[in-house]
Amino acid sequence: WVAIVTSWLIAFFEYIVMIPANRIGFGSLSLGQLKILQEIVSLSIFVPFAVLYMKDPLKLDYLWAALCMLGAAYFIFRDHV
């Protein structure tokens, strides 16, 4: 039960932040840009959680994933830079 309640609290917090951010951001950002930003935020929260709380070893895979997300952000935002 603790795992269920904790996961729902995390998801609830994410939705509290994500829904208004998407409504506000959609006026100035495209849907693709919002999605890439969401994935970057998710990865930046997941990696410390996985390493610090779940005791998952820090791997180069996280670096490669971050570099892929950086490349995605570049391509999706390059018209605005």
C-alpha atoms as a PDB file:
ATOM      1  CA  TRP A   1       0.000   0.000   0.000  1.00  0.00           C
ATOM      2  CA  VAL A   2       2.852   2.369   0.723  1.00  0.00           C
ATOM      3  CA  ALA A   3       4.250   1.920  -2.792  1.00  0.00           C
ATOM      4  CA  ILE A   4       0.826   2.505  -4.333  1.00  0.00           C
ATOM      5  CA  VAL A   5       0.129   5.670  -2.336  1.00  0.00           C
ATOM      6  CA  THR A   6       3.639   7.000  -2.927  1.00  0.00           C
ATOM      7  CA  SER A   7       3.448   6.442  -6.673  1.00  0.00           C
ATOM      8  CA  TRP A   8       0.040   8.121  -6.853  1.00  0.00           C
ATOM      9  CA  LEU A   9       1.342  11.111  -4.872  1.00  0.00           C
ATOM     10  CA  ILE A  10       4.268  11.465  -7.267  1.00  0.00           C
ATOM     11  CA  ALA A  11       1.953  11.206 -10.273  1.00  0.00           C
ATOM     12  CA  PHE A  12      -0.486  13.667  -8.697  1.00  0.00           C
ATOM     13  CA  PHE A  13       2.309  16.206  -8.144  1.00  0.00           C
ATOM     14  CA  GLU A  14       3.470  15.726 -11.728  1.00  0.00           C
ATOM     15  CA  TYR A  15      -0.021  16.382 -13.082  1.00  0.00           C
ATOM     16  CA  ILE A  16      -0.461  19.428 -10.838  1.00  0.00           C
ATOM     17  CA  VAL A  17       2.644  20.934 -12.447  1.00  0.00           C
ATOM     18  CA  MET A  18       2.283  19.524 -15.968  1.00  0.00           C
ATOM     19  CA  ILE A  19      -1.304  20.484 -16.839  1.00  0.00           C
ATOM     20  CA  PRO A  20      -0.989  24.230 -16.112  1.00  0.00           C
ATOM     21  CA  ALA A  21       2.469  24.284 -17.705  1.00  0.00           C
ATOM     22  CA  ASN A  22       1.093  22.743 -20.900  1.00  0.00           C
ATOM     23  CA  ARG A  23      -1.808  25.206 -20.999  1.00  0.00           C
ATOM     24  CA  ILE A  24       0.495  28.173 -20.444  1.00  0.00           C
ATOM     25  CA  GLY A  25       3.261  26.895 -22.717  1.00  0.00           C
ATOM     26  CA  PHE A  26       1.026  25.938 -25.628  1.00  0.00           C
ATOM     27  CA  GLY A  27       0.541  29.616 -26.428  1.00  0.00           C
ATOM     28  CA  SER A  28       4.235  30.142 -27.122  1.00  0.00           C
ATOM     29  CA  LEU A  29       5.612  26.635 -27.719  1.00  0.00           C
ATOM     30  CA  SER A  30       4.558  23.914 -30.129  1.00  0.00           C
ATOM     31  CA  LEU A  31       3.251  20.555 -28.999  1.00  0.00           C
ATOM     32  CA  GLY A  32       6.543  18.876 -29.958  1.00  0.00           C
ATOM     33  CA  GLN A  33       8.548  21.394 -27.950  1.00  0.00           C
ATOM     34  CA  LEU A  34       6.380  20.839 -24.899  1.00  0.00           C
ATOM     35  CA  LYS A  35       6.833  17.077 -25.214  1.00  0.00           C
ATOM     36  CA  ILE A  36      10.627  17.321 -25.448  1.00  0.00           C
ATOM     37  CA  LEU A  37      10.684  19.605 -22.395  1.00  0.00           C
ATOM     38  CA  GLN A  38       8.525  17.108 -20.515  1.00  0.00           C
ATOM     39  CA  GLU A  39      10.913  14.280 -21.356  1.00  0.00           C
ATOM     40  CA  ILE A  40      13.947  16.329 -20.306  1.00  0.00           C
ATOM     41  CA  VAL A  41      12.337  17.131 -16.959  1.00  0.00           C
ATOM     42  CA  SER A  42      11.327  13.485 -16.498  1.00  0.00           C
ATOM     43  CA  LEU A  43      14.861  12.263 -17.199  1.00  0.00           C
ATOM     44  CA  SER A  44      16.417  14.879 -14.919  1.00  0.00           C
ATOM     45  CA  ILE A  45      14.140  13.734 -12.070  1.00  0.00           C
ATOM     46  CA  PHE A  46      14.312  10.002 -12.798  1.00  0.00           C
ATOM     47  CA  VAL A  47      18.100   9.649 -12.859  1.00  0.00           C
ATOM     48  CA  PRO A  48      18.755  11.098  -9.379  1.00  0.00           C
ATOM     49  CA  PHE A  49      15.776   9.111  -8.035  1.00  0.00           C
ATOM     50  CA  ALA A  50      17.080   5.886  -9.570  1.00  0.00           C
ATOM     51  CA  VAL A  51      20.632   6.443  -8.337  1.00  0.00           C
ATOM     52  CA  LEU A  52      20.019   7.931  -4.899  1.00  0.00           C
ATOM     53  CA  TYR A  53      16.799   6.270  -3.751  1.00  0.00           C
ATOM     54  CA  MET A  54      16.622   3.033  -5.711  1.00  0.00           C
ATOM     55  CA  LYS A  55      20.412   2.491  -5.439  1.00  0.00           C
ATOM     56  CA  ASP A  56      20.720   1.835  -9.181  1.00  0.00           C
ATOM     57  CA  PRO A  57      24.341   2.224 -10.266  1.00  0.00           C
ATOM     58  CA  LEU A  58      25.138   5.330 -12.277  1.00  0.00           C
ATOM     59  CA  LYS A  59      25.696   4.143 -15.842  1.00  0.00           C
ATOM     60  CA  LEU A  60      26.888   5.699 -19.053  1.00  0.00           C
ATOM     61  CA  ASP A  61      23.452   4.886 -20.476  1.00  0.00           C
ATOM     62  CA  TYR A  62      22.077   7.870 -18.546  1.00  0.00           C
ATOM     63  CA  LEU A  63      24.668  10.110 -20.182  1.00  0.00           C
ATOM     64  CA  TRP A  64      23.811   8.800 -23.657  1.00  0.00           C
ATOM     65  CA  ALA A  65      20.103   9.288 -22.975  1.00  0.00           C
ATOM     66  CA  ALA A  66      20.777  12.846 -21.809  1.00  0.00           C
ATOM     67  CA  LEU A  67      22.822  13.565 -24.936  1.00  0.00           C
ATOM     68  CA  CYS A  68      20.018  12.200 -27.117  1.00  0.00           C
ATOM     69  CA  MET A  69      17.562  14.469 -25.311  1.00  0.00           C
ATOM     70  CA  LEU A  70      19.927  17.404 -25.777  1.00  0.00           C
ATOM     71  CA  GLY A  71      20.050  16.640 -29.502  1.00  0.00           C
ATOM     72  CA  ALA A  72      16.257  16.374 -29.621  1.00  0.00           C
ATOM     73  CA  ALA A  73      15.953  19.722 -27.860  1.00  0.00           C
ATOM     74  CA  TYR A  74      18.366  21.286 -30.322  1.00  0.00           C
ATOM     75  CA  PHE A  75      16.450  20.070 -33.360  1.00  0.00           C
ATOM     76  CA  ILE A  76      13.008  20.910 -32.009  1.00  0.00           C
ATOM     77  CA  PHE A  77      14.052  24.413 -30.817  1.00  0.00           C
ATOM     78  CA  ARG A  78      16.553  25.376 -33.528  1.00  0.00           C
ATOM     79  CA  ASP A  79      14.090  27.699 -35.272  1.00  0.00           C
ATOM     80  CA  HIS A  80      13.808  29.742 -32.053  1.00  0.00           C
ATOM     81  CA  VAL A  81      17.540  30.127 -31.408  1.00  0.00           C
END
